[in-house]
Amino acid sequence: MTRKEEFSRDFGFRDQIQRATVSVMSNLAEGFERGGRAEFHQFVVIAKGLCAEVRSRLNVALDIGYISKEEFGQVNNLAIELSQELGGQRASIYKQKGSVK
């Protein structure tokens, strides 16, 4: 989606949304590898916050005409679903004791 002509010319905005989406996965990987439940929980919370950042940027992209309503709906729904899954993961980790490994 960010390779579309409208996005490709707006380097800063494009890079911000790309970095946020990549950071979701990176935070989950880093948090898990640290091995501690509390640390993993913290990184899941950060990843969930990044989903909100992506959704916010999607709204801006829609408002300024970079994406269509259909594209917004598809990607926003995926971001909401991921955010909900991360919320469940966060709650599950919070209830656990000990390390995540």
PDB file of N, CA and C in Angstrom:
ATOM      1  N   MET A   1       0.818  -1.175   0.000  1.00  0.00           N
ATOM      2  CA  MET A   1       0.000   0.000   0.000  1.00  0.00           C
ATOM      3  C   MET A   1       0.877   1.260   0.000  1.00  0.00           C
ATOM      4  N   THR A   2       1.973   1.230   0.742  1.00  0.00           N
ATOM      5  CA  THR A   2       2.824   2.418   0.806  1.00  0.00           C
ATOM      6  C   THR A   2       3.665   2.602  -0.450  1.00  0.00           C
ATOM      7  N   ARG A   3       3.598   1.660  -1.364  1.00  0.00           N
ATOM      8  CA  ARG A   3       4.316   1.801  -2.636  1.00  0.00           C
ATOM      9  C   ARG A   3       3.481   2.505  -3.694  1.00  0.00           C
ATOM     10  N   LYS A   4       2.231   2.764  -3.378  1.00  0.00           N
ATOM     11  CA  LYS A   4       1.379   3.507  -4.307  1.00  0.00           C
ATOM     12  C   LYS A   4       1.982   4.878  -4.550  1.00  0.00           C
ATOM     13  N   GLU A   5       1.657   5.447  -5.690  1.00  0.00           N
ATOM     14  CA  GLU A   5       2.253   6.721  -6.090  1.00  0.00           C
ATOM     15  C   GLU A   5       2.110   7.803  -5.033  1.00  0.00           C
ATOM     16  N   GLU A   6       0.933   7.919  -4.436  1.00  0.00           N
ATOM     17  CA  GLU A   6       0.701   8.960  -3.451  1.00  0.00           C
ATOM     18  C   GLU A   6       1.632   8.803  -2.253  1.00  0.00           C
ATOM     19  N   PHE A   7       1.746   7.587  -1.762  1.00  0.00           N
ATOM     20  CA  PHE A   7       2.619   7.320  -0.624  1.00  0.00           C
ATOM     21  C   PHE A   7       4.088   7.464  -1.007  1.00  0.00           C
ATOM     22  N   SER A   8       4.443   6.945  -2.159  1.00  0.00           N
ATOM     23  CA  SER A   8       5.857   6.880  -2.529  1.00  0.00           C
ATOM     24  C   SER A   8       6.502   8.256  -2.610  1.00  0.00           C
ATOM     25  N   ARG A   9       5.730   9.284  -2.866  1.00  0.00           N
ATOM     26  CA  ARG A   9       6.281  10.634  -2.954  1.00  0.00           C
ATOM     27  C   ARG A   9       6.392  11.322  -1.599  1.00  0.00           C
ATOM     28  N   ASP A  10       5.675  10.834  -0.625  1.00  0.00           N
ATOM     29  CA  ASP A  10       5.706  11.433   0.714  1.00  0.00           C
ATOM     30  C   ASP A  10       6.616  10.575   1.592  1.00  0.00           C
ATOM     31  N   PHE A  11       7.915  10.775   1.435  1.00  0.00           N
ATOM     32  CA  PHE A  11       8.904   9.900   2.060  1.00  0.00           C
ATOM     33  C   PHE A  11       8.764   9.816   3.575  1.00  0.00           C
ATOM     34  N   GLY A  12       8.595  10.952   4.214  1.00  0.00           N
ATOM     35  CA  GLY A  12       8.509  10.958   5.672  1.00  0.00           C
ATOM     36  C   GLY A  12       7.305  10.191   6.181  1.00  0.00           C
ATOM     37  N   PHE A  13       6.153  10.452   5.618  1.00  0.00           N
ATOM     38  CA  PHE A  13       4.926   9.780   6.056  1.00  0.00           C
ATOM     39  C   PHE A  13       4.996   8.290   5.756  1.00  0.00           C
ATOM     40  N   ARG A  14       5.461   7.964   4.558  1.00  0.00           N
ATOM     41  CA  ARG A  14       5.594   6.566   4.163  1.00  0.00           C
ATOM     42  C   ARG A  14       6.516   5.826   5.120  1.00  0.00           C
ATOM     43  N   ASP A  15       7.676   6.434   5.405  1.00  0.00           N
ATOM     44  CA  ASP A  15       8.642   5.783   6.290  1.00  0.00           C
ATOM     45  C   ASP A  15       8.101   5.628   7.707  1.00  0.00           C
ATOM     46  N   GLN A  16       7.334   6.590   8.180  1.00  0.00           N
ATOM     47  CA  GLN A  16       6.765   6.501   9.527  1.00  0.00           C
ATOM     48  C   GLN A  16       5.826   5.309   9.654  1.00  0.00           C
ATOM     49  N   ILE A  17       4.955   5.135   8.680  1.00  0.00           N
ATOM     50  CA  ILE A  17       3.999   4.023   8.772  1.00  0.00           C
ATOM     51  C   ILE A  17       4.703   2.685   8.578  1.00  0.00           C
ATOM     52  N   GLN A  18       5.716   2.652   7.712  1.00  0.00           N
ATOM     53  CA  GLN A  18       6.461   1.409   7.522  1.00  0.00           C
ATOM     54  C   GLN A  18       7.243   1.038   8.780  1.00  0.00           C
ATOM     55  N   ARG A  19       7.897   2.019   9.387  1.00  0.00           N
ATOM     56  CA  ARG A  19       8.663   1.748  10.609  1.00  0.00           C
ATOM     57  C   ARG A  19       7.748   1.269  11.732  1.00  0.00           C
ATOM     58  N   ALA A  20       6.584   1.866  11.865  1.00  0.00           N
ATOM     59  CA  ALA A  20       5.662   1.462  12.930  1.00  0.00           C
ATOM     60  C   ALA A  20       5.204   0.020  12.733  1.00  0.00           C
ATOM     61  N   THR A  21       4.898  -0.358  11.490  1.00  0.00           N
ATOM     62  CA  THR A  21       4.426  -1.726  11.259  1.00  0.00           C
ATOM     63  C   THR A  21       5.532  -2.746  11.517  1.00  0.00           C
ATOM     64  N   VAL A  22       6.752  -2.432  11.103  1.00  0.00           N
ATOM     65  CA  VAL A  22       7.876  -3.338  11.347  1.00  0.00           C
ATOM     66  C   VAL A  22       8.176  -3.410  12.841  1.00  0.00           C
ATOM     67  N   SER A  23       8.022  -2.312  13.536  1.00  0.00           N
ATOM     68  CA  SER A  23       8.316  -2.273  14.968  1.00  0.00           C
ATOM     69  C   SER A  23       7.378  -3.149  15.787  1.00  0.00           C
ATOM     70  N   VAL A  24       6.165  -3.379  15.314  1.00  0.00           N
ATOM     71  CA  VAL A  24       5.248  -4.277  16.026  1.00  0.00           C
ATOM     72  C   VAL A  24       5.909  -5.646  16.162  1.00  0.00           C
ATOM     73  N   MET A  25       6.334  -6.203  15.043  1.00  0.00           N
ATOM     74  CA  MET A  25       6.949  -7.530  15.046  1.00  0.00           C
ATOM     75  C   MET A  25       8.272  -7.527  15.808  1.00  0.00           C
ATOM     76  N   SER A  26       9.060  -6.481  15.613  1.00  0.00           N
ATOM     77  CA  SER A  26      10.361  -6.403  16.274  1.00  0.00           C
ATOM     78  C   SER A  26      10.222  -6.369  17.789  1.00  0.00           C
ATOM     79  N   ASN A  27       9.251  -5.627  18.301  1.00  0.00           N
ATOM     80  CA  ASN A  27       9.046  -5.559  19.742  1.00  0.00           C
ATOM     81  C   ASN A  27       8.616  -6.898  20.315  1.00  0.00           C
ATOM     82  N   LEU A  28       7.779  -7.614  19.590  1.00  0.00           N
ATOM     83  CA  LEU A  28       7.362  -8.939  20.064  1.00  0.00           C
ATOM     84  C   LEU A  28       8.549  -9.888  20.125  1.00  0.00           C
ATOM     85  N   ALA A  29       9.373  -9.872  19.091  1.00  0.00           N
ATOM     86  CA  ALA A  29      10.546 -10.747  19.060  1.00  0.00           C
ATOM     87  C   ALA A  29      11.524 -10.395  20.179  1.00  0.00           C
ATOM     88  N   GLU A  30      11.802  -9.125  20.327  1.00  0.00           N
ATOM     89  CA  GLU A  30      12.755  -8.705  21.360  1.00  0.00           C
ATOM     90  C   GLU A  30      12.231  -9.015  22.756  1.00  0.00           C
ATOM     91  N   GLY A  31      10.977  -8.708  22.994  1.00  0.00           N
ATOM     92  CA  GLY A  31      10.406  -8.978  24.308  1.00  0.00           C
ATOM     93  C   GLY A  31      10.424 -10.452  24.662  1.00  0.00           C
ATOM     94  N   PHE A  32      10.109 -11.298  23.689  1.00  0.00           N
ATOM     95  CA  PHE A  32      10.104 -12.734  23.942  1.00  0.00           C
ATOM     96  C   PHE A  32      11.508 -13.240  24.244  1.00  0.00           C
ATOM     97  N   GLU A  33      12.472 -12.786  23.483  1.00  0.00           N
ATOM     98  CA  GLU A  33      13.838 -13.264  23.655  1.00  0.00           C
ATOM     99  C   GLU A  33      14.463 -12.827  24.972  1.00  0.00           C
ATOM    100  N   ARG A  34      13.977 -11.791  25.556  1.00  0.00           N
ATOM    101  CA  ARG A  34      14.526 -11.347  26.838  1.00  0.00           C
ATOM    102  C   ARG A  34      14.218 -12.346  27.948  1.00  0.00           C
ATOM    103  N   GLY A  35      13.160 -13.119  27.779  1.00  0.00           N
ATOM    104  CA  GLY A  35      12.898 -14.232  28.678  1.00  0.00           C
ATOM    105  C   GLY A  35      12.098 -13.940  29.927  1.00  0.00           C
ATOM    106  N   GLY A  36      12.006 -12.713  30.335  1.00  0.00           N
ATOM    107  CA  GLY A  36      11.262 -12.395  31.555  1.00  0.00           C
ATOM    108  C   GLY A  36       9.818 -12.047  31.244  1.00  0.00           C
ATOM    109  N   ARG A  37       8.918 -12.507  32.074  1.00  0.00           N
ATOM    110  CA  ARG A  37       7.494 -12.260  31.875  1.00  0.00           C
ATOM    111  C   ARG A  37       7.186 -10.771  31.873  1.00  0.00           C
ATOM    112  N   ALA A  38       7.743 -10.049  32.829  1.00  0.00           N
ATOM    113  CA  ALA A  38       7.455  -8.617  32.933  1.00  0.00           C
ATOM    114  C   ALA A  38       7.977  -7.862  31.713  1.00  0.00           C
ATOM    115  N   GLU A  39       9.175  -8.237  31.257  1.00  0.00           N
ATOM    116  CA  GLU A  39       9.728  -7.574  30.071  1.00  0.00           C
ATOM    117  C   GLU A  39       8.908  -7.894  28.827  1.00  0.00           C
ATOM    118  N   PHE A  40       8.526  -9.162  28.679  1.00  0.00           N
ATOM    119  CA  PHE A  40       7.719  -9.531  27.514  1.00  0.00           C
ATOM    120  C   PHE A  40       6.403  -8.769  27.531  1.00  0.00           C
ATOM    121  N   HIS A  41       5.798  -8.678  28.701  1.00  0.00           N
ATOM    122  CA  HIS A  41       4.542  -7.938  28.845  1.00  0.00           C
ATOM    123  C   HIS A  41       4.733  -6.495  28.378  1.00  0.00           C
ATOM    124  N   GLN A  42       5.827  -5.876  28.804  1.00  0.00           N
ATOM    125  CA  GLN A  42       6.107  -4.493  28.431  1.00  0.00           C
ATOM    126  C   GLN A  42       6.232  -4.345  26.913  1.00  0.00           C
ATOM    127  N   PHE A  43       6.908  -5.268  26.265  1.00  0.00           N
ATOM    128  CA  PHE A  43       7.085  -5.179  24.820  1.00  0.00           C
ATOM    129  C   PHE A  43       5.782  -5.462  24.063  1.00  0.00           C
ATOM    130  N   VAL A  44       4.936  -6.315  24.607  1.00  0.00           N
ATOM    131  CA  VAL A  44       3.622  -6.537  23.996  1.00  0.00           C
ATOM    132  C   VAL A  44       2.785  -5.255  24.094  1.00  0.00           C
ATOM    133  N   VAL A  45       2.870  -4.584  25.230  1.00  0.00           N
ATOM    134  CA  VAL A  45       2.162  -3.312  25.396  1.00  0.00           C
ATOM    135  C   VAL A  45       2.666  -2.290  24.374  1.00  0.00           C
ATOM    136  N   ILE A  46       3.971  -2.245  24.162  1.00  0.00           N
ATOM    137  CA  ILE A  46       4.537  -1.328  23.173  1.00  0.00           C
ATOM    138  C   ILE A  46       4.035  -1.686  21.775  1.00  0.00           C
ATOM    139  N   ALA A  47       4.025  -2.975  21.444  1.00  0.00           N
ATOM    140  CA  ALA A  47       3.541  -3.420  20.135  1.00  0.00           C
ATOM    141  C   ALA A  47       2.074  -3.030  19.941  1.00  0.00           C
ATOM    142  N   LYS A  48       1.279  -3.171  20.987  1.00  0.00           N
ATOM    143  CA  LYS A  48      -0.132  -2.787  20.907  1.00  0.00           C
ATOM    144  C   LYS A  48      -0.261  -1.288  20.661  1.00  0.00           C
ATOM    145  N   GLY A  49       0.564  -0.503  21.310  1.00  0.00           N
ATOM    146  CA  GLY A  49       0.577   0.936  21.080  1.00  0.00           C
ATOM    147  C   GLY A  49       0.972   1.285  19.653  1.00  0.00           C
ATOM    148  N   LEU A  50       1.890   0.530  19.096  1.00  0.00           N
ATOM    149  CA  LEU A  50       2.296   0.754  17.704  1.00  0.00           C
ATOM    150  C   LEU A  50       1.150   0.458  16.745  1.00  0.00           C
ATOM    151  N   CYS A  51       0.305  -0.506  17.084  1.00  0.00           N
ATOM    152  CA  CYS A  51      -0.883  -0.772  16.258  1.00  0.00           C
ATOM    153  C   CYS A  51      -1.789   0.459  16.241  1.00  0.00           C
ATOM    154  N   ALA A  52      -1.917   1.095  17.379  1.00  0.00           N
ATOM    155  CA  ALA A  52      -2.725   2.321  17.443  1.00  0.00           C
ATOM    156  C   ALA A  52      -2.089   3.415  16.595  1.00  0.00           C
ATOM    157  N   GLU A  53      -0.769   3.488  16.613  1.00  0.00           N
ATOM    158  CA  GLU A  53      -0.071   4.473  15.783  1.00  0.00           C
ATOM    159  C   GLU A  53      -0.338   4.217  14.302  1.00  0.00           C
ATOM    160  N   VAL A  54      -0.277   2.957  13.899  1.00  0.00           N
ATOM    161  CA  VAL A  54      -0.542   2.609  12.497  1.00  0.00           C
ATOM    162  C   VAL A  54      -1.971   2.985  12.130  1.00  0.00           C
ATOM    163  N   ARG A  55      -2.929   2.660  13.001  1.00  0.00           N
ATOM    164  CA  ARG A  55      -4.325   3.007  12.713  1.00  0.00           C
ATOM    165  C   ARG A  55      -4.505   4.518  12.594  1.00  0.00           C
ATOM    166  N   SER A  56      -3.818   5.257  13.436  1.00  0.00           N
ATOM    167  CA  SER A  56      -3.887   6.711  13.369  1.00  0.00           C
ATOM    168  C   SER A  56      -3.353   7.213  12.024  1.00  0.00           C
ATOM    169  N   ARG A  57      -2.249   6.681  11.600  1.00  0.00           N
ATOM    170  CA  ARG A  57      -1.653   7.087  10.319  1.00  0.00           C
ATOM    171  C   ARG A  57      -2.529   6.650   9.143  1.00  0.00           C
ATOM    172  N   LEU A  58      -3.211   5.524   9.290  1.00  0.00           N
ATOM    173  CA  LEU A  58      -4.137   5.102   8.242  1.00  0.00           C
ATOM    174  C   LEU A  58      -5.266   6.108   8.083  1.00  0.00           C
ATOM    175  N   ASN A  59      -5.749   6.628   9.196  1.00  0.00           N
ATOM    176  CA  ASN A  59      -6.788   7.657   9.136  1.00  0.00           C
ATOM    177  C   ASN A  59      -6.288   8.899   8.416  1.00  0.00           C
ATOM    178  N   VAL A  60      -5.058   9.285   8.686  1.00  0.00           N
ATOM    179  CA  VAL A  60      -4.478  10.438   7.999  1.00  0.00           C
ATOM    180  C   VAL A  60      -4.349  10.139   6.506  1.00  0.00           C
ATOM    181  N   ALA A  61      -3.865   8.941   6.183  1.00  0.00           N
ATOM    182  CA  ALA A  61      -3.708   8.558   4.773  1.00  0.00           C
ATOM    183  C   ALA A  61      -5.046   8.604   4.040  1.00  0.00           C
ATOM    184  N   LEU A  62      -6.100   8.179   4.694  1.00  0.00           N
ATOM    185  CA  LEU A  62      -7.437   8.248   4.109  1.00  0.00           C
ATOM    186  C   LEU A  62      -7.859   9.708   3.933  1.00  0.00           C
ATOM    187  N   ASP A  63      -7.660  10.496   4.969  1.00  0.00           N
ATOM    188  CA  ASP A  63      -8.074  11.900   4.933  1.00  0.00           C
ATOM    189  C   ASP A  63      -7.381  12.695   3.827  1.00  0.00           C
ATOM    190  N   ILE A  64      -6.126  12.395   3.567  1.00  0.00           N
ATOM    191  CA  ILE A  64      -5.395  13.167   2.558  1.00  0.00           C
ATOM    192  C   ILE A  64      -5.418  12.504   1.179  1.00  0.00           C
ATOM    193  N   GLY A  65      -6.162  11.409   1.069  1.00  0.00           N
ATOM    194  CA  GLY A  65      -6.378  10.787  -0.228  1.00  0.00           C
ATOM    195  C   GLY A  65      -5.310   9.829  -0.700  1.00  0.00           C
ATOM    196  N   TYR A  66      -4.453   9.351   0.211  1.00  0.00           N
ATOM    197  CA  TYR A  66      -3.412   8.402  -0.179  1.00  0.00           C
ATOM    198  C   TYR A  66      -3.968   6.995  -0.376  1.00  0.00           C
ATOM    199  N   ILE A  67      -5.046   6.682   0.325  1.00  0.00           N
ATOM    200  CA  ILE A  67      -5.677   5.371   0.201  1.00  0.00           C
ATOM    201  C   ILE A  67      -7.183   5.557   0.061  1.00  0.00           C
ATOM    202  N   SER A  68      -7.819   4.533  -0.521  1.00  0.00           N
ATOM    203  CA  SER A  68      -9.271   4.567  -0.685  1.00  0.00           C
ATOM    204  C   SER A  68      -9.949   4.084   0.598  1.00  0.00           C
ATOM    205  N   LYS A  69     -11.248   4.287   0.671  1.00  0.00           N
ATOM    206  CA  LYS A  69     -12.010   3.803   1.825  1.00  0.00           C
ATOM    207  C   LYS A  69     -11.922   2.286   1.931  1.00  0.00           C
ATOM    208  N   GLU A  70     -11.908   1.616   0.781  1.00  0.00           N
ATOM    209  CA  GLU A  70     -11.822   0.153   0.786  1.00  0.00           C
ATOM    210  C   GLU A  70     -10.477  -0.309   1.340  1.00  0.00           C
ATOM    211  N   GLU A  71      -9.401   0.330   0.873  1.00  0.00           N
ATOM    212  CA  GLU A  71      -8.069  -0.031   1.375  1.00  0.00           C
ATOM    213  C   GLU A  71      -7.978   0.255   2.866  1.00  0.00           C
ATOM    214  N   PHE A  72      -8.484   1.411   3.266  1.00  0.00           N
ATOM    215  CA  PHE A  72      -8.485   1.756   4.680  1.00  0.00           C
ATOM    216  C   PHE A  72      -9.214   0.687   5.487  1.00  0.00           C
ATOM    217  N   GLY A  73     -10.407   0.318   5.040  1.00  0.00           N
ATOM    218  CA  GLY A  73     -11.193  -0.667   5.767  1.00  0.00           C
ATOM    219  C   GLY A  73     -10.473  -1.994   5.926  1.00  0.00           C
ATOM    220  N   GLN A  74      -9.867  -2.468   4.858  1.00  0.00           N
ATOM    221  CA  GLN A  74      -9.165  -3.754   4.901  1.00  0.00           C
ATOM    222  C   GLN A  74      -7.992  -3.720   5.869  1.00  0.00           C
ATOM    223  N   VAL A  75      -7.137  -2.718   5.715  1.00  0.00           N
ATOM    224  CA  VAL A  75      -5.932  -2.655   6.537  1.00  0.00           C
ATOM    225  C   VAL A  75      -6.271  -2.279   7.975  1.00  0.00           C
ATOM    226  N   ASN A  76      -7.202  -1.372   8.167  1.00  0.00           N
ATOM    227  CA  ASN A  76      -7.600  -0.991   9.509  1.00  0.00           C
ATOM    228  C   ASN A  76      -8.202  -2.177  10.258  1.00  0.00           C
ATOM    229  N   ASN A  77      -9.002  -2.981   9.581  1.00  0.00           N
ATOM    230  CA  ASN A  77      -9.568  -4.166  10.223  1.00  0.00           C
ATOM    231  C   ASN A  77      -8.481  -5.140  10.661  1.00  0.00           C
ATOM    232  N   LEU A  78      -7.454  -5.301   9.842  1.00  0.00           N
ATOM    233  CA  LEU A  78      -6.330  -6.166  10.227  1.00  0.00           C
ATOM    234  C   LEU A  78      -5.596  -5.605  11.439  1.00  0.00           C
ATOM    235  N   ALA A  79      -5.400  -4.291  11.449  1.00  0.00           N
ATOM    236  CA  ALA A  79      -4.716  -3.657  12.577  1.00  0.00           C
ATOM    237  C   ALA A  79      -5.535  -3.786  13.856  1.00  0.00           C
ATOM    238  N   ILE A  80      -6.849  -3.650  13.743  1.00  0.00           N
ATOM    239  CA  ILE A  80      -7.720  -3.815  14.918  1.00  0.00           C
ATOM    240  C   ILE A  80      -7.658  -5.249  15.420  1.00  0.00           C
ATOM    241  N   GLU A  81      -7.709  -6.197  14.501  1.00  0.00           N
ATOM    242  CA  GLU A  81      -7.637  -7.613  14.885  1.00  0.00           C
ATOM    243  C   GLU A  81      -6.320  -7.912  15.600  1.00  0.00           C
ATOM    244  N   LEU A  82      -5.213  -7.415  15.053  1.00  0.00           N
ATOM    245  CA  LEU A  82      -3.919  -7.637  15.688  1.00  0.00           C
ATOM    246  C   LEU A  82      -3.882  -6.981  17.068  1.00  0.00           C
ATOM    247  N   SER A  83      -4.407  -5.798  17.180  1.00  0.00           N
ATOM    248  CA  SER A  83      -4.429  -5.100  18.457  1.00  0.00           C
ATOM    249  C   SER A  83      -5.223  -5.891  19.498  1.00  0.00           C
ATOM    250  N   GLN A  84      -6.337  -6.466  19.076  1.00  0.00           N
ATOM    251  CA  GLN A  84      -7.140  -7.282  19.989  1.00  0.00           C
ATOM    252  C   GLN A  84      -6.383  -8.540  20.413  1.00  0.00           C
ATOM    253  N   GLU A  85      -5.678  -9.152  19.472  1.00  0.00           N
ATOM    254  CA  GLU A  85      -4.883 -10.333  19.804  1.00  0.00           C
ATOM    255  C   GLU A  85      -3.765  -9.983  20.777  1.00  0.00           C
ATOM    256  N   LEU A  86      -3.135  -8.838  20.546  1.00  0.00           N
ATOM    257  CA  LEU A  86      -2.085  -8.402  21.461  1.00  0.00           C
ATOM    258  C   LEU A  86      -2.650  -8.087  22.840  1.00  0.00           C
ATOM    259  N   GLY A  87      -3.862  -7.544  22.889  1.00  0.00           N
ATOM    260  CA  GLY A  87      -4.509  -7.298  24.172  1.00  0.00           C
ATOM    261  C   GLY A  87      -4.742  -8.593  24.930  1.00  0.00           C
ATOM    262  N   GLY A  88      -5.159  -9.624  24.217  1.00  0.00           N
ATOM    263  CA  GLY A  88      -5.335 -10.937  24.839  1.00  0.00           C
ATOM    264  C   GLY A  88      -4.016 -11.524  25.297  1.00  0.00           C
ATOM    265  N   GLN A  89      -2.989 -11.366  24.485  1.00  0.00           N
ATOM    266  CA  GLN A  89      -1.653 -11.849  24.846  1.00  0.00           C
ATOM    267  C   GLN A  89      -1.142 -11.114  26.076  1.00  0.00           C
ATOM    268  N   ARG A  90      -1.340  -9.821  26.095  1.00  0.00           N
ATOM    269  CA  ARG A  90      -0.919  -9.003  27.234  1.00  0.00           C
ATOM    270  C   ARG A  90      -1.591  -9.490  28.519  1.00  0.00           C
ATOM    271  N   ALA A  91      -2.886  -9.712  28.463  1.00  0.00           N
ATOM    272  CA  ALA A  91      -3.623 -10.173  29.642  1.00  0.00           C
ATOM    273  C   ALA A  91      -3.139 -11.546  30.082  1.00  0.00           C
ATOM    274  N   SER A  92      -2.868 -12.411  29.114  1.00  0.00           N
ATOM    275  CA  SER A  92      -2.392 -13.757  29.433  1.00  0.00           C
ATOM    276  C   SER A  92      -1.017 -13.721  30.096  1.00  0.00           C
ATOM    277  N   ILE A  93      -0.131 -12.924  29.574  1.00  0.00           N
ATOM    278  CA  ILE A  93       1.215 -12.807  30.147  1.00  0.00           C
ATOM    279  C   ILE A  93       1.132 -12.226  31.552  1.00  0.00           C
ATOM    280  N   TYR A  94       0.283 -11.244  31.718  1.00  0.00           N
ATOM    281  CA  TYR A  94       0.146 -10.587  33.011  1.00  0.00           C
ATOM    282  C   TYR A  94      -0.284 -11.574  34.096  1.00  0.00           C
ATOM    283  N   LYS A  95      -1.099 -12.549  33.730  1.00  0.00           N
ATOM    284  CA  LYS A  95      -1.612 -13.535  34.693  1.00  0.00           C
ATOM    285  C   LYS A  95      -0.590 -14.622  35.006  1.00  0.00           C
ATOM    286  N   GLN A  96       0.390 -14.818  34.113  1.00  0.00           N
ATOM    287  CA  GLN A  96       1.382 -15.874  34.297  1.00  0.00           C
ATOM    288  C   GLN A  96       2.402 -15.490  35.355  1.00  0.00           C
ATOM    289  N   LYS A  97       3.128 -16.497  35.791  1.00  0.00           N
ATOM    290  CA  LYS A  97       4.230 -16.275  36.719  1.00  0.00           C
ATOM    291  C   LYS A  97       5.505 -16.842  36.109  1.00  0.00           C
ATOM    292  N   GLY A  98       6.624 -16.265  36.446  1.00  0.00           N
ATOM    293  CA  GLY A  98       7.920 -16.762  35.981  1.00  0.00           C
ATOM    294  C   GLY A  98       8.296 -16.238  34.614  1.00  0.00           C
ATOM    295  N   SER A  99       9.181 -16.988  33.949  1.00  0.00           N
ATOM    296  CA  SER A  99       9.695 -16.529  32.657  1.00  0.00           C
ATOM    297  C   SER A  99       8.796 -17.004  31.522  1.00  0.00           C
ATOM    298  N   VAL A 100       9.004 -16.424  30.338  1.00  0.00           N
ATOM    299  CA  VAL A 100       8.215 -16.809  29.176  1.00  0.00           C
ATOM    300  C   VAL A 100       8.848 -17.965  28.424  1.00  0.00           C
ATOM    301  N   LYS A 101      10.072 -18.307  28.722  1.00  0.00           N
ATOM    302  CA  LYS A 101      10.754 -19.414  28.013  1.00  0.00           C
ATOM    303  C   LYS A 101      10.565 -20.699  28.749  1.00  0.00           C
TER     304      LYS A 101
END
